[in-house]
Amino acid sequence: RGVPAGVLRAVHPTAFRDDPLRILRGIARCARDGLVPEPETRALMVAEAPRIAELSAERVRETLDQTLLGDDAADALRLARDVGALAAAVPEWQACVGVPQRSSTQA
């Protein structure tokens, strides 16, 4: 079956279980290419996101760097938060979620 343009789809139901880094890679693709995960793929991300904590810090950092460089990084980080990948990858950031931020225009 074909995948509509702009949709992220897991290639296999066990893809994220087999390698949880694929969740972060998918999120990075969302940031770079403006993709949105289909509902089934998003559900698989949620189910396997806690396993991201098992990955090496280097692999996680490299993939998060790719996410941050994407034009749609903000949307991708919200996706990472919503599926539980952000909390598993960088638990220290969890305390920042929902905290009001104030921007300064002063240099």
PDB file of N, CA and C in Angstrom:
ATOM      1  N   ARG A   1       0.838  -1.177   0.000  1.00  0.00           N
ATOM      2  CA  ARG A   1       0.000   0.000   0.000  1.00  0.00           C
ATOM      3  C   ARG A   1       0.882   1.239   0.000  1.00  0.00           C
ATOM      4  N   GLY A   2       0.456   2.251  -0.692  1.00  0.00           N
ATOM      5  CA  GLY A   2       1.243   3.464  -0.838  1.00  0.00           C
ATOM      6  C   GLY A   2       1.110   4.372   0.364  1.00  0.00           C
ATOM      7  N   VAL A   3       2.092   5.215   0.538  1.00  0.00           N
ATOM      8  CA  VAL A   3       2.093   6.188   1.627  1.00  0.00           C
ATOM      9  C   VAL A   3       1.839   7.566   1.019  1.00  0.00           C
ATOM     10  N   PRO A   4       0.816   8.267   1.504  1.00  0.00           N
ATOM     11  CA  PRO A   4       0.592   9.616   0.993  1.00  0.00           C
ATOM     12  C   PRO A   4       1.786  10.518   1.283  1.00  0.00           C
ATOM     13  N   ALA A   5       1.993  11.498   0.417  1.00  0.00           N
ATOM     14  CA  ALA A   5       3.091  12.440   0.617  1.00  0.00           C
ATOM     15  C   ALA A   5       2.926  13.137   1.966  1.00  0.00           C
ATOM     16  N   GLY A   6       4.041  13.322   2.656  1.00  0.00           N
ATOM     17  CA  GLY A   6       4.021  14.026   3.928  1.00  0.00           C
ATOM     18  C   GLY A   6       3.677  13.166   5.127  1.00  0.00           C
ATOM     19  N   VAL A   7       3.581  11.852   4.938  1.00  0.00           N
ATOM     20  CA  VAL A   7       3.201  10.951   6.028  1.00  0.00           C
ATOM     21  C   VAL A   7       4.381  10.070   6.406  1.00  0.00           C
ATOM     22  N   LEU A   8       4.633   9.974   7.701  1.00  0.00           N
ATOM     23  CA  LEU A   8       5.653   9.076   8.223  1.00  0.00           C
ATOM     24  C   LEU A   8       4.979   7.767   8.605  1.00  0.00           C
ATOM     25  N   ARG A   9       5.494   6.676   8.085  1.00  0.00           N
ATOM     26  CA  ARG A   9       4.918   5.361   8.379  1.00  0.00           C
ATOM     27  C   ARG A   9       6.027   4.390   8.736  1.00  0.00           C
ATOM     28  N   ALA A  10       5.838   3.665   9.827  1.00  0.00           N
ATOM     29  CA  ALA A  10       6.782   2.610  10.209  1.00  0.00           C
ATOM     30  C   ALA A  10       6.732   1.520   9.148  1.00  0.00           C
ATOM     31  N   VAL A  11       7.892   1.000   8.786  1.00  0.00           N
ATOM     32  CA  VAL A  11       7.946  -0.020   7.740  1.00  0.00           C
ATOM     33  C   VAL A  11       7.473  -1.379   8.220  1.00  0.00           C
ATOM     34  N   HIS A  12       7.480  -1.561   9.551  1.00  0.00           N
ATOM     35  CA  HIS A  12       7.082  -2.856  10.117  1.00  0.00           C
ATOM     36  C   HIS A  12       6.588  -2.610  11.541  1.00  0.00           C
ATOM     37  N   PRO A  13       5.596  -3.376  12.008  1.00  0.00           N
ATOM     38  CA  PRO A  13       5.062  -3.151  13.358  1.00  0.00           C
ATOM     39  C   PRO A  13       6.094  -3.289  14.479  1.00  0.00           C
ATOM     40  N   THR A  14       7.181  -4.025  14.244  1.00  0.00           N
ATOM     41  CA  THR A  14       8.195  -4.192  15.284  1.00  0.00           C
ATOM     42  C   THR A  14       9.413  -3.294  15.058  1.00  0.00           C
ATOM     43  N   ALA A  15       9.338  -2.387  14.107  1.00  0.00           N
ATOM     44  CA  ALA A  15      10.504  -1.560  13.757  1.00  0.00           C
ATOM     45  C   ALA A  15      11.037  -0.786  14.950  1.00  0.00           C
ATOM     46  N   PHE A  16      10.176  -0.162  15.737  1.00  0.00           N
ATOM     47  CA  PHE A  16      10.622   0.637  16.874  1.00  0.00           C
ATOM     48  C   PHE A  16      11.046  -0.240  18.047  1.00  0.00           C
ATOM     49  N   ARG A  17      10.425  -1.407  18.172  1.00  0.00           N
ATOM     50  CA  ARG A  17      10.845  -2.339  19.218  1.00  0.00           C
ATOM     51  C   ARG A  17      12.231  -2.887  18.890  1.00  0.00           C
ATOM     52  N   ASP A  18      12.465  -3.183  17.613  1.00  0.00           N
ATOM     53  CA  ASP A  18      13.759  -3.717  17.189  1.00  0.00           C
ATOM     54  C   ASP A  18      14.881  -2.701  17.367  1.00  0.00           C
ATOM     55  N   ASP A  19      14.581  -1.419  17.129  1.00  0.00           N
ATOM     56  CA  ASP A  19      15.579  -0.361  17.267  1.00  0.00           C
ATOM     57  C   ASP A  19      14.880   0.934  17.647  1.00  0.00           C
ATOM     58  N   PRO A  20      14.840   1.265  18.947  1.00  0.00           N
ATOM     59  CA  PRO A  20      14.125   2.460  19.380  1.00  0.00           C
ATOM     60  C   PRO A  20      14.718   3.769  18.848  1.00  0.00           C
ATOM     61  N   LEU A  21      15.965   3.732  18.345  1.00  0.00           N
ATOM     62  CA  LEU A  21      16.524   4.940  17.738  1.00  0.00           C
ATOM     63  C   LEU A  21      15.710   5.353  16.511  1.00  0.00           C
ATOM     64  N   ARG A  22      15.019   4.406  15.899  1.00  0.00           N
ATOM     65  CA  ARG A  22      14.178   4.718  14.740  1.00  0.00           C
ATOM     66  C   ARG A  22      13.081   5.723  15.097  1.00  0.00           C
ATOM     67  N   ILE A  23      12.644   5.739  16.346  1.00  0.00           N
ATOM     68  CA  ILE A  23      11.653   6.730  16.772  1.00  0.00           C
ATOM     69  C   ILE A  23      12.246   8.121  16.630  1.00  0.00           C
ATOM     70  N   LEU A  24      13.448   8.306  17.159  1.00  0.00           N
ATOM     71  CA  LEU A  24      14.104   9.616  17.075  1.00  0.00           C
ATOM     72  C   LEU A  24      14.462   9.964  15.635  1.00  0.00           C
ATOM     73  N   ARG A  25      14.844   8.974  14.857  1.00  0.00           N
ATOM     74  CA  ARG A  25      15.126   9.231  13.433  1.00  0.00           C
ATOM     75  C   ARG A  25      13.862   9.671  12.704  1.00  0.00           C
ATOM     76  N   GLY A  26      12.742   9.045  13.040  1.00  0.00           N
ATOM     77  CA  GLY A  26      11.469   9.449  12.441  1.00  0.00           C
ATOM     78  C   GLY A  26      11.096  10.872  12.815  1.00  0.00           C
ATOM     79  N   ILE A  27      11.342  11.229  14.066  1.00  0.00           N
ATOM     80  CA  ILE A  27      11.070  12.590  14.528  1.00  0.00           C
ATOM     81  C   ILE A  27      11.982  13.572  13.797  1.00  0.00           C
ATOM     82  N   ALA A  28      13.231  13.195  13.586  1.00  0.00           N
ATOM     83  CA  ALA A  28      14.149  14.054  12.831  1.00  0.00           C
ATOM     84  C   ALA A  28      13.664  14.234  11.393  1.00  0.00           C
ATOM     85  N   ARG A  29      13.141  13.172  10.792  1.00  0.00           N
ATOM     86  CA  ARG A  29      12.571  13.291   9.434  1.00  0.00           C
ATOM     87  C   ARG A  29      11.381  14.233   9.426  1.00  0.00           C
ATOM     88  N   CYS A  30      10.583  14.206  10.486  1.00  0.00           N
ATOM     89  CA  CYS A  30       9.459  15.143  10.595  1.00  0.00           C
ATOM     90  C   CYS A  30       9.972  16.575  10.624  1.00  0.00           C
ATOM     91  N   ALA A  31      11.067  16.801  11.345  1.00  0.00           N
ATOM     92  CA  ALA A  31      11.653  18.141  11.436  1.00  0.00           C
ATOM     93  C   ALA A  31      12.225  18.600  10.098  1.00  0.00           C
ATOM     94  N   ARG A  32      12.907  17.706   9.406  1.00  0.00           N
ATOM     95  CA  ARG A  32      13.571  18.074   8.146  1.00  0.00           C
ATOM     96  C   ARG A  32      12.612  18.136   6.969  1.00  0.00           C
ATOM     97  N   ASP A  33      11.661  17.201   6.924  1.00  0.00           N
ATOM     98  CA  ASP A  33      10.838  17.045   5.731  1.00  0.00           C
ATOM     99  C   ASP A  33       9.371  17.398   5.937  1.00  0.00           C
ATOM    100  N   GLY A  34       9.020  17.871   7.131  1.00  0.00           N
ATOM    101  CA  GLY A  34       7.637  18.263   7.389  1.00  0.00           C
ATOM    102  C   GLY A  34       6.659  17.104   7.410  1.00  0.00           C
ATOM    103  N   LEU A  35       7.131  15.917   7.745  1.00  0.00           N
ATOM    104  CA  LEU A  35       6.259  14.748   7.777  1.00  0.00           C
ATOM    105  C   LEU A  35       5.415  14.741   9.050  1.00  0.00           C
ATOM    106  N   VAL A  36       4.315  14.010   8.991  1.00  0.00           N
ATOM    107  CA  VAL A  36       3.434  13.794  10.137  1.00  0.00           C
ATOM    108  C   VAL A  36       3.207  12.288  10.234  1.00  0.00           C
ATOM    109  N   PRO A  37       3.416  11.695  11.422  1.00  0.00           N
ATOM    110  CA  PRO A  37       3.233  10.241  11.522  1.00  0.00           C
ATOM    111  C   PRO A  37       1.758   9.859  11.414  1.00  0.00           C
ATOM    112  N   GLU A  38       1.520   8.772  10.694  1.00  0.00           N
ATOM    113  CA  GLU A  38       0.154   8.252  10.632  1.00  0.00           C
ATOM    114  C   GLU A  38      -0.222   7.757  12.031  1.00  0.00           C
ATOM    115  N   PRO A  39      -1.514   7.633  12.332  1.00  0.00           N
ATOM    116  CA  PRO A  39      -1.936   7.231  13.685  1.00  0.00           C
ATOM    117  C   PRO A  39      -1.327   5.921  14.171  1.00  0.00           C
ATOM    118  N   GLU A  40      -1.226   4.915  13.301  1.00  0.00           N
ATOM    119  CA  GLU A  40      -0.660   3.635  13.727  1.00  0.00           C
ATOM    120  C   GLU A  40       0.823   3.784  14.087  1.00  0.00           C
ATOM    121  N   THR A  41       1.539   4.557  13.298  1.00  0.00           N
ATOM    122  CA  THR A  41       2.959   4.783  13.567  1.00  0.00           C
ATOM    123  C   THR A  41       3.129   5.563  14.860  1.00  0.00           C
ATOM    124  N   ARG A  42       2.295   6.571  15.064  1.00  0.00           N
ATOM    125  CA  ARG A  42       2.354   7.359  16.300  1.00  0.00           C
ATOM    126  C   ARG A  42       2.098   6.459  17.518  1.00  0.00           C
ATOM    127  N   ALA A  43       1.135   5.552  17.420  1.00  0.00           N
ATOM    128  CA  ALA A  43       0.842   4.630  18.521  1.00  0.00           C
ATOM    129  C   ALA A  43       2.043   3.720  18.806  1.00  0.00           C
ATOM    130  N   LEU A  44       2.716   3.269  17.761  1.00  0.00           N
ATOM    131  CA  LEU A  44       3.916   2.447  17.944  1.00  0.00           C
ATOM    132  C   LEU A  44       5.032   3.257  18.612  1.00  0.00           C
ATOM    133  N   MET A  45       5.148   4.540  18.244  1.00  0.00           N
ATOM    134  CA  MET A  45       6.147   5.415  18.869  1.00  0.00           C
ATOM    135  C   MET A  45       5.875   5.529  20.366  1.00  0.00           C
ATOM    136  N   VAL A  46       4.623   5.758  20.723  1.00  0.00           N
ATOM    137  CA  VAL A  46       4.243   5.884  22.133  1.00  0.00           C
ATOM    138  C   VAL A  46       4.576   4.600  22.890  1.00  0.00           C
ATOM    139  N   ALA A  47       4.242   3.469  22.302  1.00  0.00           N
ATOM    140  CA  ALA A  47       4.450   2.185  22.974  1.00  0.00           C
ATOM    141  C   ALA A  47       5.926   1.897  23.227  1.00  0.00           C
ATOM    142  N   GLU A  48       6.788   2.277  22.304  1.00  0.00           N
ATOM    143  CA  GLU A  48       8.208   1.910  22.413  1.00  0.00           C
ATOM    144  C   GLU A  48       9.099   3.056  22.876  1.00  0.00           C
ATOM    145  N   ALA A  49       8.578   4.258  23.049  1.00  0.00           N
ATOM    146  CA  ALA A  49       9.400   5.410  23.445  1.00  0.00           C
ATOM    147  C   ALA A  49      10.205   5.188  24.730  1.00  0.00           C
ATOM    148  N   PRO A  50       9.668   4.531  25.757  1.00  0.00           N
ATOM    149  CA  PRO A  50      10.491   4.332  26.968  1.00  0.00           C
ATOM    150  C   PRO A  50      11.815   3.619  26.699  1.00  0.00           C
ATOM    151  N   ARG A  51      11.885   2.825  25.649  1.00  0.00           N
ATOM    152  CA  ARG A  51      13.115   2.093  25.327  1.00  0.00           C
ATOM    153  C   ARG A  51      14.231   3.007  24.838  1.00  0.00           C
ATOM    154  N   ILE A  52      13.890   4.254  24.485  1.00  0.00           N
ATOM    155  CA  ILE A  52      14.926   5.200  24.058  1.00  0.00           C
ATOM    156  C   ILE A  52      15.950   5.395  25.171  1.00  0.00           C
ATOM    157  N   ALA A  53      15.513   5.282  26.415  1.00  0.00           N
ATOM    158  CA  ALA A  53      16.415   5.444  27.560  1.00  0.00           C
ATOM    159  C   ALA A  53      17.536   4.406  27.565  1.00  0.00           C
ATOM    160  N   GLU A  54      17.377   3.319  26.833  1.00  0.00           N
ATOM    161  CA  GLU A  54      18.392   2.267  26.760  1.00  0.00           C
ATOM    162  C   GLU A  54      19.522   2.610  25.790  1.00  0.00           C
ATOM    163  N   LEU A  55      19.324   3.625  24.957  1.00  0.00           N
ATOM    164  CA  LEU A  55      20.298   3.967  23.922  1.00  0.00           C
ATOM    165  C   LEU A  55      21.463   4.759  24.494  1.00  0.00           C
ATOM    166  N   SER A  56      22.576   4.730  23.790  1.00  0.00           N
ATOM    167  CA  SER A  56      23.733   5.513  24.228  1.00  0.00           C
ATOM    168  C   SER A  56      23.447   7.001  24.047  1.00  0.00           C
ATOM    169  N   ALA A  57      24.024   7.792  24.923  1.00  0.00           N
ATOM    170  CA  ALA A  57      23.841   9.246  24.864  1.00  0.00           C
ATOM    171  C   ALA A  57      24.328   9.805  23.533  1.00  0.00           C
ATOM    172  N   GLU A  58      25.378   9.235  22.986  1.00  0.00           N
ATOM    173  CA  GLU A  58      25.924   9.725  21.723  1.00  0.00           C
ATOM    174  C   GLU A  58      24.932   9.544  20.581  1.00  0.00           C
ATOM    175  N   ARG A  59      24.303   8.373  20.512  1.00  0.00           N
ATOM    176  CA  ARG A  59      23.336   8.116  19.436  1.00  0.00           C
ATOM    177  C   ARG A  59      22.128   9.031  19.577  1.00  0.00           C
ATOM    178  N   VAL A  60      21.675   9.225  20.805  1.00  0.00           N
ATOM    179  CA  VAL A  60      20.531  10.110  21.045  1.00  0.00           C
ATOM    180  C   VAL A  60      20.885  11.538  20.655  1.00  0.00           C
ATOM    181  N   ARG A  61      22.050  12.023  21.093  1.00  0.00           N
ATOM    182  CA  ARG A  61      22.455  13.395  20.807  1.00  0.00           C
ATOM    183  C   ARG A  61      22.565  13.650  19.314  1.00  0.00           C
ATOM    184  N   GLU A  62      23.185  12.726  18.584  1.00  0.00           N
ATOM    185  CA  GLU A  62      23.339  12.897  17.142  1.00  0.00           C
ATOM    186  C   GLU A  62      21.984  13.044  16.456  1.00  0.00           C
ATOM    187  N   THR A  63      21.025  12.247  16.875  1.00  0.00           N
ATOM    188  CA  THR A  63      19.709  12.288  16.244  1.00  0.00           C
ATOM    189  C   THR A  63      18.936  13.537  16.673  1.00  0.00           C
ATOM    190  N   LEU A  64      19.059  13.933  17.926  1.00  0.00           N
ATOM    191  CA  LEU A  64      18.418  15.174  18.365  1.00  0.00           C
ATOM    192  C   LEU A  64      19.021  16.379  17.653  1.00  0.00           C
ATOM    193  N   ASP A  65      20.325  16.350  17.402  1.00  0.00           N
ATOM    194  CA  ASP A  65      20.955  17.430  16.633  1.00  0.00           C
ATOM    195  C   ASP A  65      20.310  17.557  15.258  1.00  0.00           C
ATOM    196  N   GLN A  66      20.053  16.430  14.602  1.00  0.00           N
ATOM    197  CA  GLN A  66      19.408  16.453  13.290  1.00  0.00           C
ATOM    198  C   GLN A  66      18.010  17.049  13.383  1.00  0.00           C
ATOM    199  N   THR A  67      17.303  16.737  14.467  1.00  0.00           N
ATOM    200  CA  THR A  67      15.963  17.289  14.677  1.00  0.00           C
ATOM    201  C   THR A  67      16.029  18.801  14.814  1.00  0.00           C
ATOM    202  N   LEU A  68      16.952  19.279  15.624  1.00  0.00           N
ATOM    203  CA  LEU A  68      17.051  20.712  15.885  1.00  0.00           C
ATOM    204  C   LEU A  68      17.443  21.508  14.649  1.00  0.00           C
ATOM    205  N   LEU A  69      18.091  20.878  13.685  1.00  0.00           N
ATOM    206  CA  LEU A  69      18.493  21.565  12.465  1.00  0.00           C
ATOM    207  C   LEU A  69      17.368  21.654  11.430  1.00  0.00           C
ATOM    208  N   GLY A  70      16.276  20.943  11.651  1.00  0.00           N
ATOM    209  CA  GLY A  70      15.182  20.937  10.684  1.00  0.00           C
ATOM    210  C   GLY A  70      14.355  22.208  10.725  1.00  0.00           C
ATOM    211  N   ASP A  71      13.775  22.568   9.595  1.00  0.00           N
ATOM    212  CA  ASP A  71      12.908  23.748   9.509  1.00  0.00           C
ATOM    213  C   ASP A  71      11.677  23.620  10.398  1.00  0.00           C
ATOM    214  N   ASP A  72      11.231  22.392  10.639  1.00  0.00           N
ATOM    215  CA  ASP A  72      10.050  22.150  11.468  1.00  0.00           C
ATOM    216  C   ASP A  72      10.438  21.576  12.830  1.00  0.00           C
ATOM    217  N   ALA A  73      11.559  22.066  13.387  1.00  0.00           N
ATOM    218  CA  ALA A  73      12.074  21.533  14.662  1.00  0.00           C
ATOM    219  C   ALA A  73      11.072  21.700  15.796  1.00  0.00           C
ATOM    220  N   ALA A  74      10.395  22.839  15.861  1.00  0.00           N
ATOM    221  CA  ALA A  74       9.456  23.071  16.970  1.00  0.00           C
ATOM    222  C   ALA A  74       8.328  22.041  16.948  1.00  0.00           C
ATOM    223  N   ASP A  75       7.757  21.786  15.765  1.00  0.00           N
ATOM    224  CA  ASP A  75       6.692  20.782  15.653  1.00  0.00           C
ATOM    225  C   ASP A  75       7.224  19.391  15.987  1.00  0.00           C
ATOM    226  N   ALA A  76       8.438  19.097  15.543  1.00  0.00           N
ATOM    227  CA  ALA A  76       9.022  17.786  15.810  1.00  0.00           C
ATOM    228  C   ALA A  76       9.291  17.600  17.305  1.00  0.00           C
ATOM    229  N   LEU A  77       9.729  18.658  17.987  1.00  0.00           N
ATOM    230  CA  LEU A  77       9.951  18.548  19.429  1.00  0.00           C
ATOM    231  C   LEU A  77       8.636  18.366  20.178  1.00  0.00           C
ATOM    232  N   ARG A  78       7.564  19.006  19.691  1.00  0.00           N
ATOM    233  CA  ARG A  78       6.246  18.769  20.302  1.00  0.00           C
ATOM    234  C   ARG A  78       5.832  17.319  20.092  1.00  0.00           C
ATOM    235  N   LEU A  79       6.084  16.782  18.906  1.00  0.00           N
ATOM    236  CA  LEU A  79       5.789  15.368  18.650  1.00  0.00           C
ATOM    237  C   LEU A  79       6.603  14.492  19.600  1.00  0.00           C
ATOM    238  N   ALA A  80       7.895  14.792  19.742  1.00  0.00           N
ATOM    239  CA  ALA A  80       8.751  14.013  20.644  1.00  0.00           C
ATOM    240  C   ALA A  80       8.217  14.055  22.070  1.00  0.00           C
ATOM    241  N   ARG A  81       7.754  15.223  22.487  1.00  0.00           N
ATOM    242  CA  ARG A  81       7.161  15.361  23.822  1.00  0.00           C
ATOM    243  C   ARG A  81       5.894  14.525  23.927  1.00  0.00           C
ATOM    244  N   ASP A  82       5.036  14.639  22.941  1.00  0.00           N
ATOM    245  CA  ASP A  82       3.724  13.992  22.999  1.00  0.00           C
ATOM    246  C   ASP A  82       3.788  12.469  22.947  1.00  0.00           C
ATOM    247  N   VAL A  83       4.784  11.915  22.262  1.00  0.00           N
ATOM    248  CA  VAL A  83       4.884  10.450  22.190  1.00  0.00           C
ATOM    249  C   VAL A  83       5.751   9.873  23.308  1.00  0.00           C
ATOM    250  N   GLY A  84       6.348  10.741  24.127  1.00  0.00           N
ATOM    251  CA  GLY A  84       7.174  10.271  25.240  1.00  0.00           C
ATOM    252  C   GLY A  84       8.637  10.120  24.911  1.00  0.00           C
ATOM    253  N   ALA A  85       9.019  10.435  23.688  1.00  0.00           N
ATOM    254  CA  ALA A  85      10.417  10.276  23.283  1.00  0.00           C
ATOM    255  C   ALA A  85      11.322  11.298  23.945  1.00  0.00           C
ATOM    256  N   LEU A  86      10.857  12.512  24.120  1.00  0.00           N
ATOM    257  CA  LEU A  86      11.685  13.556  24.716  1.00  0.00           C
ATOM    258  C   LEU A  86      12.007  13.228  26.176  1.00  0.00           C
ATOM    259  N   ALA A  87      11.008  12.792  26.927  1.00  0.00           N
ATOM    260  CA  ALA A  87      11.234  12.438  28.333  1.00  0.00           C
ATOM    261  C   ALA A  87      12.193  11.259  28.459  1.00  0.00           C
ATOM    262  N   ALA A  88      12.108  10.311  27.540  1.00  0.00           N
ATOM    263  CA  ALA A  88      12.998   9.151  27.589  1.00  0.00           C
ATOM    264  C   ALA A  88      14.412   9.516  27.150  1.00  0.00           C
ATOM    265  N   ALA A  89      14.520  10.406  26.168  1.00  0.00           N
ATOM    266  CA  ALA A  89      15.831  10.774  25.629  1.00  0.00           C
ATOM    267  C   ALA A  89      16.583  11.735  26.541  1.00  0.00           C
ATOM    268  N   VAL A  90      15.870  12.717  27.070  1.00  0.00           N
ATOM    269  CA  VAL A  90      16.492  13.752  27.897  1.00  0.00           C
ATOM    270  C   VAL A  90      15.565  14.020  29.080  1.00  0.00           C
ATOM    271  N   PRO A  91      15.601  13.169  30.100  1.00  0.00           N
ATOM    272  CA  PRO A  91      14.662  13.307  31.216  1.00  0.00           C
ATOM    273  C   PRO A  91      14.741  14.664  31.917  1.00  0.00           C
ATOM    274  N   GLU A  92      15.894  15.317  31.851  1.00  0.00           N
ATOM    275  CA  GLU A  92      16.051  16.624  32.489  1.00  0.00           C
ATOM    276  C   GLU A  92      15.132  17.677  31.867  1.00  0.00           C
ATOM    277  N   TRP A  93      14.789  17.521  30.599  1.00  0.00           N
ATOM    278  CA  TRP A  93      13.921  18.484  29.912  1.00  0.00           C
ATOM    279  C   TRP A  93      12.479  18.378  30.382  1.00  0.00           C
ATOM    280  N   GLN A  94      12.091  17.246  30.929  1.00  0.00           N
ATOM    281  CA  GLN A  94      10.699  17.030  31.322  1.00  0.00           C
ATOM    282  C   GLN A  94      10.226  18.100  32.304  1.00  0.00           C
ATOM    283  N   ALA A  95      11.098  18.537  33.187  1.00  0.00           N
ATOM    284  CA  ALA A  95      10.730  19.564  34.163  1.00  0.00           C
ATOM    285  C   ALA A  95      10.452  20.919  33.506  1.00  0.00           C
ATOM    286  N   CYS A  96      10.914  21.110  32.289  1.00  0.00           N
ATOM    287  CA  CYS A  96      10.718  22.380  31.577  1.00  0.00           C
ATOM    288  C   CYS A  96       9.410  22.420  30.799  1.00  0.00           C
ATOM    289  N   VAL A  97       8.795  21.288  30.562  1.00  0.00           N
ATOM    290  CA  VAL A  97       7.573  21.233  29.768  1.00  0.00           C
ATOM    291  C   VAL A  97       6.455  21.932  30.524  1.00  0.00           C
ATOM    292  N   GLY A  98       5.820  22.867  29.851  1.00  0.00           N
ATOM    293  CA  GLY A  98       4.702  23.591  30.434  1.00  0.00           C
ATOM    294  C   GLY A  98       5.086  24.803  31.260  1.00  0.00           C
ATOM    295  N   VAL A  99       6.392  25.069  31.374  1.00  0.00           N
ATOM    296  CA  VAL A  99       6.844  26.236  32.132  1.00  0.00           C
ATOM    297  C   VAL A  99       6.803  27.449  31.205  1.00  0.00           C
ATOM    298  N   PRO A 100       6.131  28.517  31.633  1.00  0.00           N
ATOM    299  CA  PRO A 100       6.077  29.719  30.773  1.00  0.00           C
ATOM    300  C   PRO A 100       7.487  30.252  30.507  1.00  0.00           C
ATOM    301  N   GLN A 101       7.704  30.638  29.266  1.00  0.00           N
ATOM    302  CA  GLN A 101       8.995  31.182  28.862  1.00  0.00           C
ATOM    303  C   GLN A 101       8.826  32.648  28.509  1.00  0.00           C
ATOM    304  N   ARG A 102       9.808  33.436  28.838  1.00  0.00           N
ATOM    305  CA  ARG A 102       9.781  34.847  28.492  1.00  0.00           C
ATOM    306  C   ARG A 102      10.956  35.129  27.581  1.00  0.00           C
ATOM    307  N   SER A 103      10.677  35.685  26.425  1.00  0.00           N
ATOM    308  CA  SER A 103      11.729  36.048  25.495  1.00  0.00           C
ATOM    309  C   SER A 103      12.159  37.473  25.739  1.00  0.00           C
ATOM    310  N   SER A 104      13.407  37.724  25.557  1.00  0.00           N
ATOM    311  CA  SER A 104      13.941  39.080  25.692  1.00  0.00           C
ATOM    312  C   SER A 104      14.405  39.549  24.331  1.00  0.00           C
ATOM    313  N   THR A 105      14.084  40.764  23.988  1.00  0.00           N
ATOM    314  CA  THR A 105      14.536  41.331  22.719  1.00  0.00           C
ATOM    315  C   THR A 105      15.805  42.142  22.905  1.00  0.00           C
ATOM    316  N   GLN A 106      16.308  42.182  24.130  1.00  0.00           N
ATOM    317  CA  GLN A 106      17.540  42.918  24.406  1.00  0.00           C
ATOM    318  C   GLN A 106      18.742  42.057  24.042  1.00  0.00           C
ATOM    319  N   ALA A 107      19.745  42.708  23.477  1.00  0.00           N
ATOM    320  CA  ALA A 107      20.951  41.974  23.083  1.00  0.00           C
ATOM    321  C   ALA A 107      21.925  41.878  24.219  1.00  0.00           C
TER     322      ALA A 107
END
